[in-house]
C-alpha atoms as a PDB file:
ATOM      1  CA  UNK A   1      68.230 147.419  37.822  1.00  0.00           C
ATOM      2  CA  UNK A   2      68.385 149.906  40.550  1.00  0.00           C
ATOM      3  CA  UNK A   3      65.380 152.611  40.678  1.00  0.00           C
ATOM      4  CA  UNK A   4      68.182 155.459  39.991  1.00  0.00           C
ATOM      5  CA  UNK A   5      68.514 153.599  36.125  1.00  0.00           C
ATOM      6  CA  UNK A   6      64.816 152.840  35.680  1.00  0.00           C
ATOM      7  CA  UNK A   7      64.520 156.681  36.818  1.00  0.00           C
ATOM      8  CA  UNK A   8      66.816 157.040  34.373  1.00  0.00           C
ATOM      9  CA  UNK A   9      65.264 155.163  31.648  1.00  0.00           C
ATOM     10  CA  UNK A  10      62.469 156.612  31.881  1.00  0.00           C
ATOM     11  CA  UNK A  11      62.949 160.204  31.826  1.00  0.00           C
ATOM     12  CA  UNK A  12      65.351 158.924  28.333  1.00  0.00           C
ATOM     13  CA  UNK A  13      61.946 157.278  26.990  1.00  0.00           C
ATOM     14  CA  UNK A  14      60.385 160.702  27.919  1.00  0.00           C
ATOM     15  CA  UNK A  15      57.816 158.324  30.041  1.00  0.00           C
ATOM     16  CA  UNK A  16      56.716 159.014  33.980  1.00  0.00           C
ATOM     17  CA  UNK A  17      58.193 156.348  36.204  1.00  0.00           C
ATOM     18  CA  UNK A  18      54.734 154.012  36.873  1.00  0.00           C
ATOM     19  CA  UNK A  19      55.212 153.506  40.835  1.00  0.00           C
ATOM     20  CA  UNK A  20      54.906 148.931  40.284  1.00  0.00           C
ATOM     21  CA  UNK A  21      57.690 149.270  38.188  1.00  0.00           C
ATOM     22  CA  UNK A  22      59.945 151.341  40.115  1.00  0.00           C
ATOM     23  CA  UNK A  23      62.882 148.480  41.177  1.00  0.00           C
ATOM     24  CA  UNK A  24      63.141 147.996  45.091  1.00  0.00           C
ATOM     25  CA  UNK A  25      66.081 149.390  47.199  1.00  0.00           C
ATOM     26  CA  UNK A  26      67.777 147.372  50.065  1.00  0.00           C
ATOM     27  CA  UNK A  27      66.739 150.356  52.517  1.00  0.00           C
ATOM     28  CA  UNK A  28      62.485 148.875  51.650  1.00  0.00           C
ATOM     29  CA  UNK A  29      63.420 145.377  52.959  1.00  0.00           C
ATOM     30  CA  UNK A  30      62.505 144.899  56.853  1.00  0.00           C
ATOM     31  CA  UNK A  31      66.108 144.156  58.840  1.00  0.00           C
ATOM     32  CA  UNK A  32      65.065 140.843  58.890  1.00  0.00           C
ATOM     33  CA  UNK A  33      64.973 140.149  55.248  1.00  0.00           C
ATOM     34  CA  UNK A  34      68.216 141.720  54.965  1.00  0.00           C
ATOM     35  CA  UNK A  35      69.691 140.074  57.151  1.00  0.00           C
ATOM     36  CA  UNK A  36      68.289 136.440  55.698  1.00  0.00           C
ATOM     37  CA  UNK A  37      69.559 136.874  52.591  1.00  0.00           C
ATOM     38  CA  UNK A  38      73.602 138.320  53.976  1.00  0.00           C
ATOM     39  CA  UNK A  39      73.323 135.057  56.294  1.00  0.00           C
ATOM     40  CA  UNK A  40      72.205 132.569  52.823  1.00  0.00           C
ATOM     41  CA  UNK A  41      75.058 134.390  50.875  1.00  0.00           C
ATOM     42  CA  UNK A  42      77.502 133.526  53.922  1.00  0.00           C
ATOM     43  CA  UNK A  43      76.367 129.697  54.257  1.00  0.00           C
ATOM     44  CA  UNK A  44      77.790 126.712  52.199  1.00  0.00           C
ATOM     45  CA  UNK A  45      76.523 125.375  49.376  1.00  0.00           C
ATOM     46  CA  UNK A  46      76.123 121.324  50.061  1.00  0.00           C
ATOM     47  CA  UNK A  47      76.989 119.717  46.120  1.00  0.00           C
ATOM     48  CA  UNK A  48      77.533 116.432  44.745  1.00  0.00           C
ATOM     49  CA  UNK A  49      78.830 115.191  41.573  1.00  0.00           C
ATOM     50  CA  UNK A  50      75.391 113.730  39.353  1.00  0.00           C
ATOM     51  CA  UNK A  51      73.114 115.042  41.673  1.00  0.00           C
ATOM     52  CA  UNK A  52      74.282 118.808  42.179  1.00  0.00           C
ATOM     53  CA  UNK A  53      73.178 121.915  44.328  1.00  0.00           C
ATOM     54  CA  UNK A  54      71.178 120.008  47.490  1.00  0.00           C
ATOM     55  CA  UNK A  55      70.933 123.171  49.574  1.00  0.00           C
ATOM     56  CA  UNK A  56      73.067 125.429  52.122  1.00  0.00           C
ATOM     57  CA  UNK A  57      75.209 124.098  54.327  1.00  0.00           C
ATOM     58  CA  UNK A  58      73.217 125.422  57.875  1.00  0.00           C
ATOM     59  CA  UNK A  59      76.293 124.417  60.318  1.00  0.00           C
ATOM     60  CA  UNK A  60      76.682 127.706  60.978  1.00  0.00           C
ATOM     61  CA  UNK A  61      73.079 129.334  61.227  1.00  0.00           C
ATOM     62  CA  UNK A  62      72.799 130.329  64.728  1.00  0.00           C
ATOM     63  CA  UNK A  63      76.168 132.227  64.316  1.00  0.00           C
ATOM     64  CA  UNK A  64      74.779 134.115  61.676  1.00  0.00           C
ATOM     65  CA  UNK A  65      71.512 134.466  63.920  1.00  0.00           C
ATOM     66  CA  UNK A  66      73.328 135.700  66.854  1.00  0.00           C
ATOM     67  CA  UNK A  67      75.999 138.024  65.031  1.00  0.00           C
ATOM     68  CA  UNK A  68      72.455 139.721  63.011  1.00  0.00           C
ATOM     69  CA  UNK A  69      70.782 139.483  66.343  1.00  0.00           C
ATOM     70  CA  UNK A  70      67.271 138.387  64.799  1.00  0.00           C
ATOM     71  CA  UNK A  71      64.808 138.540  66.998  1.00  0.00           C
ATOM     72  CA  UNK A  72      61.810 136.704  64.979  1.00  0.00           C
ATOM     73  CA  UNK A  73      63.924 133.284  64.190  1.00  0.00           C
ATOM     74  CA  UNK A  74      60.563 132.374  62.201  1.00  0.00           C
ATOM     75  CA  UNK A  75      60.243 134.538  59.346  1.00  0.00           C
ATOM     76  CA  UNK A  76      64.139 134.436  59.091  1.00  0.00           C
ATOM     77  CA  UNK A  77      63.643 130.532  58.919  1.00  0.00           C
ATOM     78  CA  UNK A  78      60.946 130.365  56.222  1.00  0.00           C
ATOM     79  CA  UNK A  79      63.381 133.201  54.425  1.00  0.00           C
ATOM     80  CA  UNK A  80      65.757 130.999  54.209  1.00  0.00           C
ATOM     81  CA  UNK A  81      63.777 128.038  53.255  1.00  0.00           C
ATOM     82  CA  UNK A  82      62.686 130.007  50.461  1.00  0.00           C
ATOM     83  CA  UNK A  83      65.745 131.017  48.815  1.00  0.00           C
ATOM     84  CA  UNK A  84      67.524 127.336  49.424  1.00  0.00           C
ATOM     85  CA  UNK A  85      64.228 125.793  47.295  1.00  0.00           C
ATOM     86  CA  UNK A  86      64.789 128.314  44.687  1.00  0.00           C
ATOM     87  CA  UNK A  87      68.364 127.985  44.517  1.00  0.00           C
ATOM     88  CA  UNK A  88      67.572 124.089  44.626  1.00  0.00           C
ATOM     89  CA  UNK A  89      64.623 124.594  41.677  1.00  0.00           C
ATOM     90  CA  UNK A  90      67.012 126.392  39.554  1.00  0.00           C
ATOM     91  CA  UNK A  91      70.378 124.069  40.350  1.00  0.00           C
ATOM     92  CA  UNK A  92      68.120 120.551  39.396  1.00  0.00           C
ATOM     93  CA  UNK A  93      66.305 122.219  36.106  1.00  0.00           C
ATOM     94  CA  UNK A  94      69.556 123.318  35.060  1.00  0.00           C
ATOM     95  CA  UNK A  95      71.549 120.291  35.756  1.00  0.00           C
ATOM     96  CA  UNK A  96      68.725 118.370  33.695  1.00  0.00           C
ATOM     97  CA  UNK A  97      68.893 120.766  30.510  1.00  0.00           C
ATOM     98  CA  UNK A  98      72.501 119.780  30.580  1.00  0.00           C
ATOM     99  CA  UNK A  99      71.167 115.565  30.675  1.00  0.00           C
ATOM    100  CA  UNK A 100      68.874 115.913  28.646  1.00  0.00           C
ATOM    101  CA  UNK A 101      71.576 117.977  26.085  1.00  0.00           C
ATOM    102  CA  UNK A 102      74.237 115.515  26.376  1.00  0.00           C
ATOM    103  CA  UNK A 103      71.551 112.585  25.765  1.00  0.00           C
ATOM    104  CA  UNK A 104      70.356 113.976  22.160  1.00  0.00           C
ATOM    105  CA  UNK A 105      74.076 114.911  21.626  1.00  0.00           C
ATOM    106  CA  UNK A 106      74.525 110.877  21.957  1.00  0.00           C
ATOM    107  CA  UNK A 107      71.424 109.621  20.281  1.00  0.00           C
ATOM    108  CA  UNK A 108      72.778 111.367  17.125  1.00  0.00           C
ATOM    109  CA  UNK A 109      76.037 109.189  17.495  1.00  0.00           C
END
């Protein structure tokens, strides 16, 4: 949800907007965060059968660091690592869910 949609919703509900509930806009984030998200989206995925998503392919990372002229590399890399770990966790949970579903279906046969 965007901030505009939030304000529209609150207006329709005839309620006052609550500052802590207003979704952030891209402009609210530091440039390094935006650069990290854009870089993460440009990097290729490493996916293997039976394992699933195992993370991003960082082969071209230096290219994107140079393109975005990243100065705070340590924080930038922390952000990439966090994004990657969240995606790996989500993939792992999804794969486990599908595996458990297949396991339950096979028990019934």
